[in-house]
Amino acid sequence: MKARIFTKILLALIVIVVICLALIPTTIKWLATDWLTQQGLDTHINDVDLSLLDSRFSINGIKSTNQQGKGFQLGEFAIDFSWAPLRDN
């Protein structure tokens, strides 16, 4: 009986973690767009990608302009990170 409860709790935790990981890119895209809009910039972000297996975070296709038409455009912004320092303490 305890094993079944433990299995259900473990399965629920795994589902919650997977859902959270799937929502991270969407949340980052929404937060970045919202913050830039608050700064007075009209912003469009094509894609946000987080790959924990490849140790890479990237934002693709950012275009942001102000009311005068000035702004910036960025093809890709990427951060590569390493799990080794975390693993090695």
PDB file of N, CA and C in Angstrom:
ATOM      1  N   MET A   1       0.823  -1.202   0.000  1.00  0.00           N
ATOM      2  CA  MET A   1       0.000   0.000   0.000  1.00  0.00           C
ATOM      3  C   MET A   1       0.864   1.262   0.000  1.00  0.00           C
ATOM      4  N   LYS A   2       1.898   1.273   0.860  1.00  0.00           N
ATOM      5  CA  LYS A   2       2.793   2.433   0.906  1.00  0.00           C
ATOM      6  C   LYS A   2       3.563   2.594  -0.394  1.00  0.00           C
ATOM      7  N   ALA A   3       3.882   1.488  -1.030  1.00  0.00           N
ATOM      8  CA  ALA A   3       4.610   1.552  -2.303  1.00  0.00           C
ATOM      9  C   ALA A   3       3.746   2.192  -3.385  1.00  0.00           C
ATOM     10  N   ARG A   4       2.458   1.906  -3.386  1.00  0.00           N
ATOM     11  CA  ARG A   4       1.557   2.502  -4.376  1.00  0.00           C
ATOM     12  C   ARG A   4       1.429   4.010  -4.158  1.00  0.00           C
ATOM     13  N   ILE A   5       1.338   4.432  -2.916  1.00  0.00           N
ATOM     14  CA  ILE A   5       1.244   5.862  -2.605  1.00  0.00           C
ATOM     15  C   ILE A   5       2.534   6.564  -3.010  1.00  0.00           C
ATOM     16  N   PHE A   6       3.672   5.937  -2.684  1.00  0.00           N
ATOM     17  CA  PHE A   6       4.967   6.508  -3.054  1.00  0.00           C
ATOM     18  C   PHE A   6       5.086   6.635  -4.572  1.00  0.00           C
ATOM     19  N   THR A   7       4.651   5.608  -5.298  1.00  0.00           N
ATOM     20  CA  THR A   7       4.709   5.625  -6.758  1.00  0.00           C
ATOM     21  C   THR A   7       3.841   6.740  -7.323  1.00  0.00           C
ATOM     22  N   LYS A   8       2.648   6.920  -6.789  1.00  0.00           N
ATOM     23  CA  LYS A   8       1.756   7.977  -7.256  1.00  0.00           C
ATOM     24  C   LYS A   8       2.348   9.355  -6.976  1.00  0.00           C
ATOM     25  N   ILE A   9       2.930   9.540  -5.807  1.00  0.00           N
ATOM     26  CA  ILE A   9       3.551  10.828  -5.465  1.00  0.00           C
ATOM     27  C   ILE A   9       4.741  11.088  -6.380  1.00  0.00           C
ATOM     28  N   LEU A  10       5.562  10.080  -6.596  1.00  0.00           N
ATOM     29  CA  LEU A  10       6.724  10.230  -7.474  1.00  0.00           C
ATOM     30  C   LEU A  10       6.297  10.554  -8.899  1.00  0.00           C
ATOM     31  N   LEU A  11       5.275   9.883  -9.398  1.00  0.00           N
ATOM     32  CA  LEU A  11       4.766  10.148 -10.737  1.00  0.00           C
ATOM     33  C   LEU A  11       4.214  11.571 -10.840  1.00  0.00           C
ATOM     34  N   ALA A  12       3.490  12.011  -9.819  1.00  0.00           N
ATOM     35  CA  ALA A  12       2.947  13.377  -9.814  1.00  0.00           C
ATOM     36  C   ALA A  12       4.072  14.403  -9.820  1.00  0.00           C
ATOM     37  N   LEU A  13       5.127  14.171  -9.052  1.00  0.00           N
ATOM     38  CA  LEU A  13       6.264  15.092  -9.025  1.00  0.00           C
ATOM     39  C   LEU A  13       6.968  15.144 -10.377  1.00  0.00           C
ATOM     40  N   ILE A  14       7.113  13.998 -11.016  1.00  0.00           N
ATOM     41  CA  ILE A  14       7.751  13.960 -12.334  1.00  0.00           C
ATOM     42  C   ILE A  14       6.916  14.737 -13.347  1.00  0.00           C
ATOM     43  N   VAL A  15       5.618  14.570 -13.310  1.00  0.00           N
ATOM     44  CA  VAL A  15       4.734  15.293 -14.223  1.00  0.00           C
ATOM     45  C   VAL A  15       4.836  16.798 -13.980  1.00  0.00           C
ATOM     46  N   ILE A  16       4.864  17.214 -12.722  1.00  0.00           N
ATOM     47  CA  ILE A  16       4.974  18.644 -12.389  1.00  0.00           C
ATOM     48  C   ILE A  16       6.298  19.210 -12.886  1.00  0.00           C
ATOM     49  N   VAL A  17       7.386  18.484 -12.703  1.00  0.00           N
ATOM     50  CA  VAL A  17       8.701  18.953 -13.160  1.00  0.00           C
ATOM     51  C   VAL A  17       8.729  19.072 -14.681  1.00  0.00           C
ATOM     52  N   VAL A  18       8.179  18.101 -15.387  1.00  0.00           N
ATOM     53  CA  VAL A  18       8.153  18.137 -16.848  1.00  0.00           C
ATOM     54  C   VAL A  18       7.331  19.325 -17.339  1.00  0.00           C
ATOM     55  N   ILE A  19       6.191  19.571 -16.715  1.00  0.00           N
ATOM     56  CA  ILE A  19       5.357  20.711 -17.099  1.00  0.00           C
ATOM     57  C   ILE A  19       6.098  22.019 -16.855  1.00  0.00           C
ATOM     58  N   CYS A  20       6.749  22.142 -15.708  1.00  0.00           N
ATOM     59  CA  CYS A  20       7.509  23.365 -15.405  1.00  0.00           C
ATOM     60  C   CYS A  20       8.631  23.587 -16.410  1.00  0.00           C
ATOM     61  N   LEU A  21       9.357  22.538 -16.753  1.00  0.00           N
ATOM     62  CA  LEU A  21      10.439  22.662 -17.731  1.00  0.00           C
ATOM     63  C   LEU A  21       9.898  23.049 -19.102  1.00  0.00           C
ATOM     64  N   ALA A  22       8.737  22.544 -19.457  1.00  0.00           N
ATOM     65  CA  ALA A  22       8.142  22.882 -20.751  1.00  0.00           C
ATOM     66  C   ALA A  22       7.671  24.336 -20.783  1.00  0.00           C
ATOM     67  N   LEU A  23       7.275  24.884 -19.637  1.00  0.00           N
ATOM     68  CA  LEU A  23       6.767  26.252 -19.587  1.00  0.00           C
ATOM     69  C   LEU A  23       7.853  27.313 -19.429  1.00  0.00           C
ATOM     70  N   ILE A  24       9.065  26.929 -19.099  1.00  0.00           N
ATOM     71  CA  ILE A  24      10.141  27.906 -18.888  1.00  0.00           C
ATOM     72  C   ILE A  24      10.376  28.776 -20.130  1.00  0.00           C
ATOM     73  N   PRO A  25      10.548  28.210 -21.342  1.00  0.00           N
ATOM     74  CA  PRO A  25      10.772  29.078 -22.511  1.00  0.00           C
ATOM     75  C   PRO A  25       9.619  30.049 -22.776  1.00  0.00           C
ATOM     76  N   THR A  26       8.390  29.589 -22.647  1.00  0.00           N
ATOM     77  CA  THR A  26       7.235  30.458 -22.863  1.00  0.00           C
ATOM     78  C   THR A  26       7.200  31.575 -21.836  1.00  0.00           C
ATOM     79  N   THR A  27       7.498  31.238 -20.591  1.00  0.00           N
ATOM     80  CA  THR A  27       7.510  32.240 -19.520  1.00  0.00           C
ATOM     81  C   THR A  27       8.602  33.278 -19.745  1.00  0.00           C
ATOM     82  N   ILE A  28       9.784  32.835 -20.136  1.00  0.00           N
ATOM     83  CA  ILE A  28      10.893  33.759 -20.407  1.00  0.00           C
ATOM     84  C   ILE A  28      10.535  34.693 -21.563  1.00  0.00           C
ATOM     85  N   LYS A  29       9.945  34.139 -22.619  1.00  0.00           N
ATOM     86  CA  LYS A  29       9.532  34.950 -23.775  1.00  0.00           C
ATOM     87  C   LYS A  29       8.510  35.998 -23.346  1.00  0.00           C
ATOM     88  N   TRP A  30       7.534  35.596 -22.563  1.00  0.00           N
ATOM     89  CA  TRP A  30       6.498  36.521 -22.105  1.00  0.00           C
ATOM     90  C   TRP A  30       7.086  37.602 -21.193  1.00  0.00           C
ATOM     91  N   LEU A  31       7.934  37.216 -20.240  1.00  0.00           N
ATOM     92  CA  LEU A  31       8.530  38.190 -19.318  1.00  0.00           C
ATOM     93  C   LEU A  31       9.430  39.189 -20.050  1.00  0.00           C
ATOM     94  N   ALA A  32      10.246  38.697 -20.987  1.00  0.00           N
ATOM     95  CA  ALA A  32      11.135  39.593 -21.743  1.00  0.00           C
ATOM     96  C   ALA A  32      10.336  40.571 -22.590  1.00  0.00           C
ATOM     97  N   THR A  33       9.321  40.071 -23.274  1.00  0.00           N
ATOM     98  CA  THR A  33       8.486  40.937 -24.097  1.00  0.00           C
ATOM     99  C   THR A  33       7.759  41.966 -23.239  1.00  0.00           C
ATOM    100  N   ASP A  34       7.227  41.537 -22.114  1.00  0.00           N
ATOM    101  CA  ASP A  34       6.514  42.445 -21.214  1.00  0.00           C
ATOM    102  C   ASP A  34       7.441  43.523 -20.661  1.00  0.00           C
ATOM    103  N   TRP A  35       8.662  43.142 -20.267  1.00  0.00           N
ATOM    104  CA  TRP A  35       9.603  44.116 -19.706  1.00  0.00           C
ATOM    105  C   TRP A  35      10.010  45.143 -20.761  1.00  0.00           C
ATOM    106  N   LEU A  36      10.301  44.680 -21.970  1.00  0.00           N
ATOM    107  CA  LEU A  36      10.685  45.608 -23.033  1.00  0.00           C
ATOM    108  C   LEU A  36       9.522  46.518 -23.420  1.00  0.00           C
ATOM    109  N   THR A  37       8.309  46.019 -23.375  1.00  0.00           N
ATOM    110  CA  THR A  37       7.127  46.847 -23.644  1.00  0.00           C
ATOM    111  C   THR A  37       6.989  47.935 -22.584  1.00  0.00           C
ATOM    112  N   GLN A  38       7.267  47.601 -21.334  1.00  0.00           N
ATOM    113  CA  GLN A  38       7.233  48.594 -20.256  1.00  0.00           C
ATOM    114  C   GLN A  38       8.302  49.664 -20.450  1.00  0.00           C
ATOM    115  N   GLN A  39       9.361  49.338 -21.168  1.00  0.00           N
ATOM    116  CA  GLN A  39      10.424  50.298 -21.450  1.00  0.00           C
ATOM    117  C   GLN A  39      10.097  51.160 -22.669  1.00  0.00           C
ATOM    118  N   GLY A  40       8.938  50.935 -23.259  1.00  0.00           N
ATOM    119  CA  GLY A  40       8.510  51.728 -24.412  1.00  0.00           C
ATOM    120  C   GLY A  40       8.925  51.154 -25.750  1.00  0.00           C
ATOM    121  N   LEU A  41       9.227  49.871 -25.790  1.00  0.00           N
ATOM    122  CA  LEU A  41       9.674  49.230 -27.021  1.00  0.00           C
ATOM    123  C   LEU A  41       8.641  48.225 -27.504  1.00  0.00           C
ATOM    124  N   ASP A  42       8.361  48.268 -28.802  1.00  0.00           N
ATOM    125  CA  ASP A  42       7.499  47.267 -29.416  1.00  0.00           C
ATOM    126  C   ASP A  42       8.393  46.081 -29.764  1.00  0.00           C
ATOM    127  N   THR A  43       8.138  44.916 -29.179  1.00  0.00           N
ATOM    128  CA  THR A  43       9.073  43.803 -29.257  1.00  0.00           C
ATOM    129  C   THR A  43       8.424  42.544 -29.800  1.00  0.00           C
ATOM    130  N   HIS A  44       9.206  41.822 -30.594  1.00  0.00           N
ATOM    131  CA  HIS A  44       8.791  40.509 -31.089  1.00  0.00           C
ATOM    132  C   HIS A  44       9.957  39.544 -30.911  1.00  0.00           C
ATOM    133  N   ILE A  45       9.698  38.398 -30.282  1.00  0.00           N
ATOM    134  CA  ILE A  45      10.703  37.354 -30.095  1.00  0.00           C
ATOM    135  C   ILE A  45      10.198  36.099 -30.797  1.00  0.00           C
ATOM    136  N   ASN A  46      11.002  35.570 -31.723  1.00  0.00           N
ATOM    137  CA  ASN A  46      10.588  34.383 -32.474  1.00  0.00           C
ATOM    138  C   ASN A  46      10.588  33.123 -31.621  1.00  0.00           C
ATOM    139  N   ASP A  47      11.693  32.846 -30.935  1.00  0.00           N
ATOM    140  CA  ASP A  47      11.815  31.555 -30.264  1.00  0.00           C
ATOM    141  C   ASP A  47      12.734  31.659 -29.050  1.00  0.00           C
ATOM    142  N   VAL A  48      12.355  30.967 -28.006  1.00  0.00           N
ATOM    143  CA  VAL A  48      13.204  30.807 -26.821  1.00  0.00           C
ATOM    144  C   VAL A  48      13.386  29.316 -26.613  1.00  0.00           C
ATOM    145  N   ASP A  49      14.629  28.888 -26.441  1.00  0.00           N
ATOM    146  CA  ASP A  49      14.905  27.458 -26.306  1.00  0.00           C
ATOM    147  C   ASP A  49      15.778  27.223 -25.084  1.00  0.00           C
ATOM    148  N   LEU A  50      15.408  26.240 -24.298  1.00  0.00           N
ATOM    149  CA  LEU A  50      16.201  25.813 -23.148  1.00  0.00           C
ATOM    150  C   LEU A  50      16.423  24.326 -23.292  1.00  0.00           C
ATOM    151  N   SER A  51      17.675  23.930 -23.438  1.00  0.00           N
ATOM    152  CA  SER A  51      18.015  22.520 -23.565  1.00  0.00           C
ATOM    153  C   SER A  51      18.933  22.139 -22.414  1.00  0.00           C
ATOM    154  N   LEU A  52      18.384  21.416 -21.460  1.00  0.00           N
ATOM    155  CA  LEU A  52      19.181  21.011 -20.309  1.00  0.00           C
ATOM    156  C   LEU A  52      20.187  19.931 -20.679  1.00  0.00           C
ATOM    157  N   LEU A  53      19.855  19.093 -21.652  1.00  0.00           N
ATOM    158  CA  LEU A  53      20.780  18.037 -22.061  1.00  0.00           C
ATOM    159  C   LEU A  53      21.971  18.594 -22.822  1.00  0.00           C
ATOM    160  N   ASP A  54      21.742  19.621 -23.647  1.00  0.00           N
ATOM    161  CA  ASP A  54      22.829  20.243 -24.402  1.00  0.00           C
ATOM    162  C   ASP A  54      23.485  21.392 -23.644  1.00  0.00           C
ATOM    163  N   SER A  55      22.974  21.724 -22.468  1.00  0.00           N
ATOM    164  CA  SER A  55      23.478  22.829 -21.640  1.00  0.00           C
ATOM    165  C   SER A  55      23.489  24.134 -22.419  1.00  0.00           C
ATOM    166  N   ARG A  56      22.331  24.497 -22.977  1.00  0.00           N
ATOM    167  CA  ARG A  56      22.253  25.689 -23.820  1.00  0.00           C
ATOM    168  C   ARG A  56      20.916  26.393 -23.627  1.00  0.00           C
ATOM    169  N   PHE A  57      21.009  27.716 -23.524  1.00  0.00           N
ATOM    170  CA  PHE A  57      19.838  28.579 -23.477  1.00  0.00           C
ATOM    171  C   PHE A  57      19.986  29.567 -24.615  1.00  0.00           C
ATOM    172  N   SER A  58      18.951  29.689 -25.460  1.00  0.00           N
ATOM    173  CA  SER A  58      19.064  30.617 -26.585  1.00  0.00           C
ATOM    174  C   SER A  58      17.741  31.326 -26.839  1.00  0.00           C
ATOM    175  N   ILE A  59      17.883  32.562 -27.309  1.00  0.00           N
ATOM    176  CA  ILE A  59      16.754  33.364 -27.748  1.00  0.00           C
ATOM    177  C   ILE A  59      17.034  33.727 -29.199  1.00  0.00           C
ATOM    178  N   ASN A  60      16.084  33.432 -30.076  1.00  0.00           N
ATOM    179  CA  ASN A  60      16.280  33.646 -31.508  1.00  0.00           C
ATOM    180  C   ASN A  60      15.305  34.685 -32.036  1.00  0.00           C
ATOM    181  N   GLY A  61      15.805  35.550 -32.898  1.00  0.00           N
ATOM    182  CA  GLY A  61      14.955  36.484 -33.620  1.00  0.00           C
ATOM    183  C   GLY A  61      14.290  37.534 -32.766  1.00  0.00           C
ATOM    184  N   ILE A  62      15.073  38.364 -32.094  1.00  0.00           N
ATOM    185  CA  ILE A  62      14.517  39.460 -31.311  1.00  0.00           C
ATOM    186  C   ILE A  62      14.531  40.722 -32.174  1.00  0.00           C
ATOM    187  N   LYS A  63      13.389  41.387 -32.235  1.00  0.00           N
ATOM    188  CA  LYS A  63      13.307  42.672 -32.920  1.00  0.00           C
ATOM    189  C   LYS A  63      12.520  43.608 -32.023  1.00  0.00           C
ATOM    190  N   SER A  64      13.119  44.760 -31.731  1.00  0.00           N
ATOM    191  CA  SER A  64      12.500  45.705 -30.818  1.00  0.00           C
ATOM    192  C   SER A  64      12.714  47.127 -31.324  1.00  0.00           C
ATOM    193  N   THR A  65      11.637  47.914 -31.379  1.00  0.00           N
ATOM    194  CA  THR A  65      11.731  49.298 -31.839  1.00  0.00           C
ATOM    195  C   THR A  65      10.923  50.209 -30.922  1.00  0.00           C
ATOM    196  N   ASN A  66      11.377  51.471 -30.840  1.00  0.00           N
ATOM    197  CA  ASN A  66      10.624  52.449 -30.058  1.00  0.00           C
ATOM    198  C   ASN A  66       9.688  53.219 -30.989  1.00  0.00           C
ATOM    199  N   GLN A  67       9.032  54.257 -30.473  1.00  0.00           N
ATOM    200  CA  GLN A  67       8.059  55.014 -31.272  1.00  0.00           C
ATOM    201  C   GLN A  67       8.711  55.778 -32.423  1.00  0.00           C
ATOM    202  N   GLN A  68       9.984  56.118 -32.289  1.00  0.00           N
ATOM    203  CA  GLN A  68      10.694  56.823 -33.358  1.00  0.00           C
ATOM    204  C   GLN A  68      11.245  55.859 -34.412  1.00  0.00           C
ATOM    205  N   GLY A  69      11.056  54.573 -34.229  1.00  0.00           N
ATOM    206  CA  GLY A  69      11.543  53.585 -35.185  1.00  0.00           C
ATOM    207  C   GLY A  69      12.946  53.102 -34.921  1.00  0.00           C
ATOM    208  N   LYS A  70      13.571  53.591 -33.859  1.00  0.00           N
ATOM    209  CA  LYS A  70      14.917  53.142 -33.506  1.00  0.00           C
ATOM    210  C   LYS A  70      14.794  51.956 -32.557  1.00  0.00           C
ATOM    211  N   GLY A  71      15.751  51.073 -32.648  1.00  0.00           N
ATOM    212  CA  GLY A  71      15.713  49.913 -31.771  1.00  0.00           C
ATOM    213  C   GLY A  71      16.869  48.982 -32.058  1.00  0.00           C
ATOM    214  N   PHE A  72      16.626  47.709 -31.878  1.00  0.00           N
ATOM    215  CA  PHE A  72      17.671  46.724 -32.126  1.00  0.00           C
ATOM    216  C   PHE A  72      17.056  45.455 -32.686  1.00  0.00           C
ATOM    217  N   GLN A  73      17.929  44.704 -33.337  1.00  0.00           N
ATOM    218  CA  GLN A  73      17.539  43.410 -33.876  1.00  0.00           C
ATOM    219  C   GLN A  73      18.676  42.448 -33.577  1.00  0.00           C
ATOM    220  N   LEU A  74      18.329  41.286 -33.097  1.00  0.00           N
ATOM    221  CA  LEU A  74      19.334  40.304 -32.701  1.00  0.00           C
ATOM    222  C   LEU A  74      18.946  38.963 -33.297  1.00  0.00           C
ATOM    223  N   GLY A  75      19.840  38.381 -34.080  1.00  0.00           N
ATOM    224  CA  GLY A  75      19.555  37.091 -34.698  1.00  0.00           C
ATOM    225  C   GLY A  75      19.479  35.972 -33.690  1.00  0.00           C
ATOM    226  N   GLU A  76      20.523  35.842 -32.876  1.00  0.00           N
ATOM    227  CA  GLU A  76      20.536  34.805 -31.853  1.00  0.00           C
ATOM    228  C   GLU A  76      21.364  35.260 -30.662  1.00  0.00           C
ATOM    229  N   PHE A  77      20.826  35.010 -29.492  1.00  0.00           N
ATOM    230  CA  PHE A  77      21.539  35.231 -28.240  1.00  0.00           C
ATOM    231  C   PHE A  77      21.569  33.880 -27.539  1.00  0.00           C
ATOM    232  N   ALA A  78      22.760  33.380 -27.247  1.00  0.00           N
ATOM    233  CA  ALA A  78      22.862  32.046 -26.655  1.00  0.00           C
ATOM    234  C   ALA A  78      23.830  32.042 -25.490  1.00  0.00           C
ATOM    235  N   ILE A  79      23.497  31.244 -24.508  1.00  0.00           N
ATOM    236  CA  ILE A  79      24.361  31.019 -23.354  1.00  0.00           C
ATOM    237  C   ILE A  79      24.580  29.514 -23.249  1.00  0.00           C
ATOM    238  N   ASP A  80      25.834  29.109 -23.314  1.00  0.00           N
ATOM    239  CA  ASP A  80      26.190  27.710 -23.092  1.00  0.00           C
ATOM    240  C   ASP A  80      26.706  27.593 -21.665  1.00  0.00           C
ATOM    241  N   PHE A  81      26.213  26.616 -20.945  1.00  0.00           N
ATOM    242  CA  PHE A  81      26.651  26.444 -19.567  1.00  0.00           C
ATOM    243  C   PHE A  81      27.111  25.011 -19.358  1.00  0.00           C
ATOM    244  N   SER A  82      27.760  24.786 -18.240  1.00  0.00           N
ATOM    245  CA  SER A  82      28.322  23.469 -17.958  1.00  0.00           C
ATOM    246  C   SER A  82      27.793  22.947 -16.633  1.00  0.00           C
ATOM    247  N   TRP A  83      27.457  21.668 -16.630  1.00  0.00           N
ATOM    248  CA  TRP A  83      26.983  21.037 -15.400  1.00  0.00           C
ATOM    249  C   TRP A  83      28.139  20.555 -14.526  1.00  0.00           C
ATOM    250  N   ALA A  84      29.356  20.480 -15.083  1.00  0.00           N
ATOM    251  CA  ALA A  84      30.497  19.916 -14.355  1.00  0.00           C
ATOM    252  C   ALA A  84      30.772  20.638 -13.031  1.00  0.00           C
ATOM    253  N   PRO A  85      30.797  21.984 -12.973  1.00  0.00           N
ATOM    254  CA  PRO A  85      31.050  22.631 -11.685  1.00  0.00           C
ATOM    255  C   PRO A  85      29.986  22.311 -10.629  1.00  0.00           C
ATOM    256  N   LEU A  86      28.748  22.146 -11.054  1.00  0.00           N
ATOM    257  CA  LEU A  86      27.697  21.774 -10.103  1.00  0.00           C
ATOM    258  C   LEU A  86      27.876  20.354  -9.622  1.00  0.00           C
ATOM    259  N   ARG A  87      28.240  19.482 -10.551  1.00  0.00           N
ATOM    260  CA  ARG A  87      28.447  18.077 -10.207  1.00  0.00           C
ATOM    261  C   ARG A  87      29.655  17.896  -9.285  1.00  0.00           C
ATOM    262  N   ASP A  88      30.704  18.708  -9.531  1.00  0.00           N
ATOM    263  CA  ASP A  88      31.949  18.573  -8.756  1.00  0.00           C
ATOM    264  C   ASP A  88      31.945  19.401  -7.487  1.00  0.00           C
ATOM    265  N   ASN A  89      30.828  20.047  -7.199  1.00  0.00           N
ATOM    266  CA  ASN A  89      30.697  20.922  -6.022  1.00  0.00           C
ATOM    267  C   ASN A  89      31.537  22.160  -6.187  1.00  0.00           C
TER     268      ASN A  89
END
